[in-house]
């Protein structure tokens, strides 16, 4: 059975693989991240009764810039 350290090393090797990096930077991945962030922002906005819509939108945009491939 692999230990936590072994799993971390395998995950790091996987993330460093050029094919995986290309997939993470693809338009499809960008679309998925946009949908997830939009859904999350919508849920938070609904939960706060729309009182913080501007702040939520700014946070969504900041997260998209960090995660996106723009």
PDB file of N, CA and C in Angstrom:
ATOM      1  N   UNK A   1       0.844  -1.192   0.000  1.00  0.00           N
ATOM      2  CA  UNK A   1       0.000   0.000   0.000  1.00  0.00           C
ATOM      3  C   UNK A   1       0.884   1.247   0.000  1.00  0.00           C
ATOM      4  N   UNK A   2       0.568   2.167  -0.857  1.00  0.00           N
ATOM      5  CA  UNK A   2       1.355   3.388  -0.979  1.00  0.00           C
ATOM      6  C   UNK A   2       1.064   4.335   0.180  1.00  0.00           C
ATOM      7  N   UNK A   3       2.110   4.977   0.693  1.00  0.00           N
ATOM      8  CA  UNK A   3       1.944   5.951   1.758  1.00  0.00           C
ATOM      9  C   UNK A   3       1.552   7.303   1.203  1.00  0.00           C
ATOM     10  N   UNK A   4       1.228   8.209   2.103  1.00  0.00           N
ATOM     11  CA  UNK A   4       0.828   9.562   1.705  1.00  0.00           C
ATOM     12  C   UNK A   4       1.947  10.237   0.916  1.00  0.00           C
ATOM     13  N   UNK A   5       3.176  10.065   1.343  1.00  0.00           N
ATOM     14  CA  UNK A   5       4.305  10.657   0.633  1.00  0.00           C
ATOM     15  C   UNK A   5       4.415  10.147  -0.791  1.00  0.00           C
ATOM     16  N   UNK A   6       4.186   8.834  -0.970  1.00  0.00           N
ATOM     17  CA  UNK A   6       4.229   8.248  -2.311  1.00  0.00           C
ATOM     18  C   UNK A   6       3.127   8.817  -3.186  1.00  0.00           C
ATOM     19  N   UNK A   7       1.943   8.986  -2.628  1.00  0.00           N
ATOM     20  CA  UNK A   7       0.832   9.545  -3.393  1.00  0.00           C
ATOM     21  C   UNK A   7       1.132  10.982  -3.799  1.00  0.00           C
ATOM     22  N   UNK A   8       1.727  11.744  -2.909  1.00  0.00           N
ATOM     23  CA  UNK A   8       2.092  13.121  -3.218  1.00  0.00           C
ATOM     24  C   UNK A   8       3.107  13.192  -4.347  1.00  0.00           C
ATOM     25  N   UNK A   9       4.081  12.287  -4.310  1.00  0.00           N
ATOM     26  CA  UNK A   9       5.100  12.252  -5.369  1.00  0.00           C
ATOM     27  C   UNK A   9       4.476  11.880  -6.709  1.00  0.00           C
ATOM     28  N   UNK A  10       3.562  10.917  -6.694  1.00  0.00           N
ATOM     29  CA  UNK A  10       2.891  10.519  -7.934  1.00  0.00           C
ATOM     30  C   UNK A  10       2.035  11.660  -8.479  1.00  0.00           C
ATOM     31  N   UNK A  11       1.349  12.358  -7.580  1.00  0.00           N
ATOM     32  CA  UNK A  11       0.521  13.493  -8.005  1.00  0.00           C
ATOM     33  C   UNK A  11       1.386  14.594  -8.602  1.00  0.00           C
ATOM     34  N   UNK A  12       2.532  14.848  -8.006  1.00  0.00           N
ATOM     35  CA  UNK A  12       3.439  15.879  -8.513  1.00  0.00           C
ATOM     36  C   UNK A  12       3.957  15.510  -9.897  1.00  0.00           C
ATOM     37  N   UNK A  13       4.329  14.237 -10.082  1.00  0.00           N
ATOM     38  CA  UNK A  13       4.792  13.787 -11.403  1.00  0.00           C
ATOM     39  C   UNK A  13       3.688  13.940 -12.439  1.00  0.00           C
ATOM     40  N   UNK A  14       2.465  13.602 -12.043  1.00  0.00           N
ATOM     41  CA  UNK A  14       1.328  13.721 -12.958  1.00  0.00           C
ATOM     42  C   UNK A  14       1.109  15.178 -13.351  1.00  0.00           C
ATOM     43  N   UNK A  15       1.148  16.076 -12.392  1.00  0.00           N
ATOM     44  CA  UNK A  15       0.941  17.496 -12.677  1.00  0.00           C
ATOM     45  C   UNK A  15       2.057  18.090 -13.530  1.00  0.00           C
ATOM     46  N   UNK A  16       3.236  17.531 -13.453  1.00  0.00           N
ATOM     47  CA  UNK A  16       4.362  18.031 -14.250  1.00  0.00           C
ATOM     48  C   UNK A  16       4.388  17.458 -15.665  1.00  0.00           C
ATOM     49  N   UNK A  17       3.522  16.484 -15.941  1.00  0.00           N
ATOM     50  CA  UNK A  17       3.469  15.875 -17.269  1.00  0.00           C
ATOM     51  C   UNK A  17       2.985  16.913 -18.288  1.00  0.00           C
ATOM     52  N   UNK A  18       3.704  17.086 -19.388  1.00  0.00           N
ATOM     53  CA  UNK A  18       3.306  18.080 -20.398  1.00  0.00           C
ATOM     54  C   UNK A  18       1.889  17.871 -20.943  1.00  0.00           C
ATOM     55  N   UNK A  19       1.474  16.633 -21.098  1.00  0.00           N
ATOM     56  CA  UNK A  19       0.123  16.368 -21.600  1.00  0.00           C
ATOM     57  C   UNK A  19      -0.932  16.838 -20.603  1.00  0.00           C
ATOM     58  N   UNK A  20      -0.673  16.635 -19.320  1.00  0.00           N
ATOM     59  CA  UNK A  20      -1.605  17.084 -18.285  1.00  0.00           C
ATOM     60  C   UNK A  20      -1.639  18.609 -18.257  1.00  0.00           C
ATOM     61  N   UNK A  21      -0.482  19.247 -18.365  1.00  0.00           N
ATOM     62  CA  UNK A  21      -0.434  20.713 -18.389  1.00  0.00           C
ATOM     63  C   UNK A  21      -1.214  21.272 -19.574  1.00  0.00           C
ATOM     64  N   UNK A  22      -1.080  20.637 -20.731  1.00  0.00           N
ATOM     65  CA  UNK A  22      -1.834  21.073 -21.910  1.00  0.00           C
ATOM     66  C   UNK A  22      -3.337  20.942 -21.679  1.00  0.00           C
ATOM     67  N   UNK A  23      -3.747  19.832 -21.065  1.00  0.00           N
ATOM     68  CA  UNK A  23      -5.168  19.615 -20.797  1.00  0.00           C
ATOM     69  C   UNK A  23      -5.705  20.658 -19.826  1.00  0.00           C
ATOM     70  N   UNK A  24      -4.922  20.996 -18.803  1.00  0.00           N
ATOM     71  CA  UNK A  24      -5.357  21.985 -17.815  1.00  0.00           C
ATOM     72  C   UNK A  24      -5.457  23.390 -18.407  1.00  0.00           C
ATOM     73  N   UNK A  25      -4.714  23.634 -19.473  1.00  0.00           N
ATOM     74  CA  UNK A  25      -4.723  24.948 -20.106  1.00  0.00           C
ATOM     75  C   UNK A  25      -5.653  25.011 -21.313  1.00  0.00           C
ATOM     76  N   UNK A  26      -6.433  23.973 -21.529  1.00  0.00           N
ATOM     77  CA  UNK A  26      -7.291  23.902 -22.711  1.00  0.00           C
ATOM     78  C   UNK A  26      -8.531  24.781 -22.554  1.00  0.00           C
ATOM     79  N   UNK A  27      -9.183  25.044 -23.675  1.00  0.00           N
ATOM     80  CA  UNK A  27     -10.433  25.806 -23.663  1.00  0.00           C
ATOM     81  C   UNK A  27     -11.517  25.053 -22.899  1.00  0.00           C
ATOM     82  N   UNK A  28     -11.507  23.733 -22.987  1.00  0.00           N
ATOM     83  CA  UNK A  28     -12.503  22.924 -22.269  1.00  0.00           C
ATOM     84  C   UNK A  28     -12.341  23.113 -20.756  1.00  0.00           C
ATOM     85  N   UNK A  29     -11.099  23.083 -20.283  1.00  0.00           N
ATOM     86  CA  UNK A  29     -10.839  23.294 -18.853  1.00  0.00           C
ATOM     87  C   UNK A  29     -11.255  24.701 -18.442  1.00  0.00           C
ATOM     88  N   UNK A  30     -11.010  25.667 -19.315  1.00  0.00           N
ATOM     89  CA  UNK A  30     -11.414  27.057 -19.031  1.00  0.00           C
ATOM     90  C   UNK A  30     -12.928  27.140 -18.883  1.00  0.00           C
ATOM     91  N   UNK A  31     -13.646  26.454 -19.769  1.00  0.00           N
ATOM     92  CA  UNK A  31     -15.105  26.450 -19.698  1.00  0.00           C
ATOM     93  C   UNK A  31     -15.618  25.813 -18.413  1.00  0.00           C
ATOM     94  N   UNK A  32     -14.984  24.727 -18.004  1.00  0.00           N
ATOM     95  CA  UNK A  32     -15.385  24.053 -16.764  1.00  0.00           C
ATOM     96  C   UNK A  32     -15.152  24.978 -15.574  1.00  0.00           C
ATOM     97  N   UNK A  33     -13.988  25.605 -15.512  1.00  0.00           N
ATOM     98  CA  UNK A  33     -13.702  26.495 -14.379  1.00  0.00           C
ATOM     99  C   UNK A  33     -14.668  27.682 -14.369  1.00  0.00           C
ATOM    100  N   UNK A  34     -15.010  28.211 -15.539  1.00  0.00           N
ATOM    101  CA  UNK A  34     -15.969  29.315 -15.603  1.00  0.00           C
ATOM    102  C   UNK A  34     -17.336  28.893 -15.070  1.00  0.00           C
ATOM    103  N   UNK A  35     -17.777  27.686 -15.448  1.00  0.00           N
ATOM    104  CA  UNK A  35     -19.091  27.203 -14.969  1.00  0.00           C
ATOM    105  C   UNK A  35     -19.081  26.975 -13.467  1.00  0.00           C
ATOM    106  N   UNK A  36     -18.008  26.389 -12.954  1.00  0.00           N
ATOM    107  CA  UNK A  36     -17.920  26.127 -11.508  1.00  0.00           C
ATOM    108  C   UNK A  36     -17.902  27.440 -10.732  1.00  0.00           C
ATOM    109  N   UNK A  37     -17.057  28.376 -11.159  1.00  0.00           N
ATOM    110  CA  UNK A  37     -16.979  29.659 -10.455  1.00  0.00           C
ATOM    111  C   UNK A  37     -18.295  30.426 -10.549  1.00  0.00           C
ATOM    112  N   UNK A  38     -18.935  30.381 -11.711  1.00  0.00           N
ATOM    113  CA  UNK A  38     -20.222  31.060 -11.868  1.00  0.00           C
ATOM    114  C   UNK A  38     -21.295  30.455 -10.973  1.00  0.00           C
ATOM    115  N   UNK A  39     -21.323  29.127 -10.912  1.00  0.00           N
ATOM    116  CA  UNK A  39     -22.290  28.455 -10.052  1.00  0.00           C
ATOM    117  C   UNK A  39     -22.059  28.750  -8.582  1.00  0.00           C
ATOM    118  N   UNK A  40     -20.814  28.740  -8.191  1.00  0.00           N
ATOM    119  CA  UNK A  40     -20.465  29.046  -6.802  1.00  0.00           C
ATOM    120  C   UNK A  40     -20.820  30.485  -6.457  1.00  0.00           C
ATOM    121  N   UNK A  41     -20.493  31.409  -7.344  1.00  0.00           N
ATOM    122  CA  UNK A  41     -20.815  32.817  -7.103  1.00  0.00           C
ATOM    123  C   UNK A  41     -22.324  33.011  -7.008  1.00  0.00           C
ATOM    124  N   UNK A  42     -23.068  32.325  -7.875  1.00  0.00           N
ATOM    125  CA  UNK A  42     -24.524  32.421  -7.825  1.00  0.00           C
ATOM    126  C   UNK A  42     -25.089  31.883  -6.523  1.00  0.00           C
ATOM    127  N   UNK A  43     -24.552  30.769  -6.046  1.00  0.00           N
ATOM    128  CA  UNK A  43     -25.030  30.179  -4.797  1.00  0.00           C
ATOM    129  C   UNK A  43     -24.732  31.090  -3.608  1.00  0.00           C
ATOM    130  N   UNK A  44     -23.536  31.665  -3.588  1.00  0.00           N
ATOM    131  CA  UNK A  44     -23.164  32.569  -2.487  1.00  0.00           C
ATOM    132  C   UNK A  44     -24.016  33.829  -2.544  1.00  0.00           C
ATOM    133  N   UNK A  45     -24.241  34.344  -3.753  1.00  0.00           N
ATOM    134  CA  UNK A  45     -25.072  35.539  -3.907  1.00  0.00           C
ATOM    135  C   UNK A  45     -26.490  35.266  -3.409  1.00  0.00           C
ATOM    136  N   UNK A  46     -27.022  34.106  -3.743  1.00  0.00           N
ATOM    137  CA  UNK A  46     -28.365  33.737  -3.301  1.00  0.00           C
ATOM    138  C   UNK A  46     -28.402  33.583  -1.779  1.00  0.00           C
ATOM    139  N   UNK A  47     -27.371  32.947  -1.226  1.00  0.00           N
ATOM    140  CA  UNK A  47     -27.323  32.722   0.220  1.00  0.00           C
ATOM    141  C   UNK A  47     -27.234  34.028   1.000  1.00  0.00           C
ATOM    142  N   UNK A  48     -26.621  35.047   0.399  1.00  0.00           N
ATOM    143  CA  UNK A  48     -26.490  36.338   1.088  1.00  0.00           C
ATOM    144  C   UNK A  48     -27.608  37.299   0.701  1.00  0.00           C
ATOM    145  N   UNK A  49     -28.561  36.804  -0.057  1.00  0.00           N
ATOM    146  CA  UNK A  49     -29.701  37.638  -0.432  1.00  0.00           C
ATOM    147  C   UNK A  49     -29.331  38.773  -1.370  1.00  0.00           C
ATOM    148  N   UNK A  50     -28.247  38.613  -2.123  1.00  0.00           N
ATOM    149  CA  UNK A  50     -27.837  39.636  -3.074  1.00  0.00           C
ATOM    150  C   UNK A  50     -27.231  40.875  -2.436  1.00  0.00           C
ATOM    151  N   UNK A  51     -26.960  40.820  -1.129  1.00  0.00           N
ATOM    152  CA  UNK A  51     -26.439  41.989  -0.416  1.00  0.00           C
ATOM    153  C   UNK A  51     -24.983  42.300  -0.760  1.00  0.00           C
ATOM    154  N   UNK A  52     -24.276  41.309  -1.276  1.00  0.00           N
ATOM    155  CA  UNK A  52     -22.843  41.488  -1.535  1.00  0.00           C
ATOM    156  C   UNK A  52     -22.492  41.104  -2.970  1.00  0.00           C
ATOM    157  N   UNK A  53     -23.405  41.316  -3.880  1.00  0.00           N
ATOM    158  CA  UNK A  53     -23.221  40.900  -5.273  1.00  0.00           C
ATOM    159  C   UNK A  53     -21.945  41.452  -5.891  1.00  0.00           C
ATOM    160  N   UNK A  54     -21.659  42.723  -5.627  1.00  0.00           N
ATOM    161  CA  UNK A  54     -20.474  43.325  -6.234  1.00  0.00           C
ATOM    162  C   UNK A  54     -19.189  42.689  -5.716  1.00  0.00           C
ATOM    163  N   UNK A  55     -19.130  42.406  -4.430  1.00  0.00           N
ATOM    164  CA  UNK A  55     -17.944  41.781  -3.846  1.00  0.00           C
ATOM    165  C   UNK A  55     -17.797  40.342  -4.332  1.00  0.00           C
ATOM    166  N   UNK A  56     -18.918  39.644  -4.454  1.00  0.00           N
ATOM    167  CA  UNK A  56     -18.897  38.264  -4.933  1.00  0.00           C
ATOM    168  C   UNK A  56     -18.405  38.217  -6.373  1.00  0.00           C
ATOM    169  N   UNK A  57     -18.873  39.129  -7.191  1.00  0.00           N
ATOM    170  CA  UNK A  57     -18.449  39.185  -8.594  1.00  0.00           C
ATOM    171  C   UNK A  57     -16.953  39.494  -8.703  1.00  0.00           C
ATOM    172  N   UNK A  58     -16.461  40.399  -7.866  1.00  0.00           N
ATOM    173  CA  UNK A  58     -15.031  40.718  -7.872  1.00  0.00           C
ATOM    174  C   UNK A  58     -14.205  39.500  -7.454  1.00  0.00           C
ATOM    175  N   UNK A  59     -14.683  38.772  -6.451  1.00  0.00           N
ATOM    176  CA  UNK A  59     -13.978  37.570  -5.998  1.00  0.00           C
ATOM    177  C   UNK A  59     -13.994  36.502  -7.087  1.00  0.00           C
ATOM    178  N   UNK A  60     -15.127  36.355  -7.790  1.00  0.00           N
ATOM    179  CA  UNK A  60     -15.227  35.387  -8.876  1.00  0.00           C
ATOM    180  C   UNK A  60     -14.246  35.748  -9.990  1.00  0.00           C
ATOM    181  N   UNK A  61     -14.179  37.022 -10.324  1.00  0.00           N
ATOM    182  CA  UNK A  61     -13.261  37.476 -11.368  1.00  0.00           C
ATOM    183  C   UNK A  61     -11.801  37.241 -10.976  1.00  0.00           C
ATOM    184  N   UNK A  62     -11.474  37.506  -9.721  1.00  0.00           N
ATOM    185  CA  UNK A  62     -10.103  37.299  -9.246  1.00  0.00           C
ATOM    186  C   UNK A  62      -9.739  35.816  -9.297  1.00  0.00           C
ATOM    187  N   UNK A  63     -10.650  34.962  -8.874  1.00  0.00           N
ATOM    188  CA  UNK A  63     -10.405  33.517  -8.927  1.00  0.00           C
ATOM    189  C   UNK A  63     -10.256  33.061 -10.369  1.00  0.00           C
ATOM    190  N   UNK A  64     -11.063  33.600 -11.271  1.00  0.00           N
ATOM    191  CA  UNK A  64     -10.986  33.216 -12.679  1.00  0.00           C
ATOM    192  C   UNK A  64      -9.638  33.623 -13.274  1.00  0.00           C
ATOM    193  N   UNK A  65      -9.137  34.775 -12.884  1.00  0.00           N
ATOM    194  CA  UNK A  65      -7.823  35.209 -13.390  1.00  0.00           C
ATOM    195  C   UNK A  65      -6.727  34.255 -12.905  1.00  0.00           C
ATOM    196  N   UNK A  66      -6.834  33.784 -11.669  1.00  0.00           N
ATOM    197  CA  UNK A  66      -5.822  32.862 -11.125  1.00  0.00           C
ATOM    198  C   UNK A  66      -5.929  31.489 -11.757  1.00  0.00           C
ATOM    199  N   UNK A  67      -7.151  31.022 -11.977  1.00  0.00           N
ATOM    200  CA  UNK A  67      -7.357  29.683 -12.501  1.00  0.00           C
ATOM    201  C   UNK A  67      -7.356  29.620 -14.017  1.00  0.00           C
ATOM    202  N   UNK A  68      -7.778  30.686 -14.642  1.00  0.00           N
ATOM    203  CA  UNK A  68      -7.962  30.682 -16.091  1.00  0.00           C
ATOM    204  C   UNK A  68      -6.663  30.648 -16.858  1.00  0.00           C
ATOM    205  N   UNK A  69      -6.815  30.467 -18.177  1.00  0.00           N
ATOM    206  CA  UNK A  69      -5.631  30.403 -19.034  1.00  0.00           C
ATOM    207  C   UNK A  69      -5.558  31.621 -19.944  1.00  0.00           C
ATOM    208  N   UNK A  70      -6.049  32.750 -19.467  1.00  0.00           N
ATOM    209  CA  UNK A  70      -6.095  33.968 -20.274  1.00  0.00           C
ATOM    210  C   UNK A  70      -4.748  34.642 -20.314  1.00  0.00           C
TER     211      UNK A  70
END
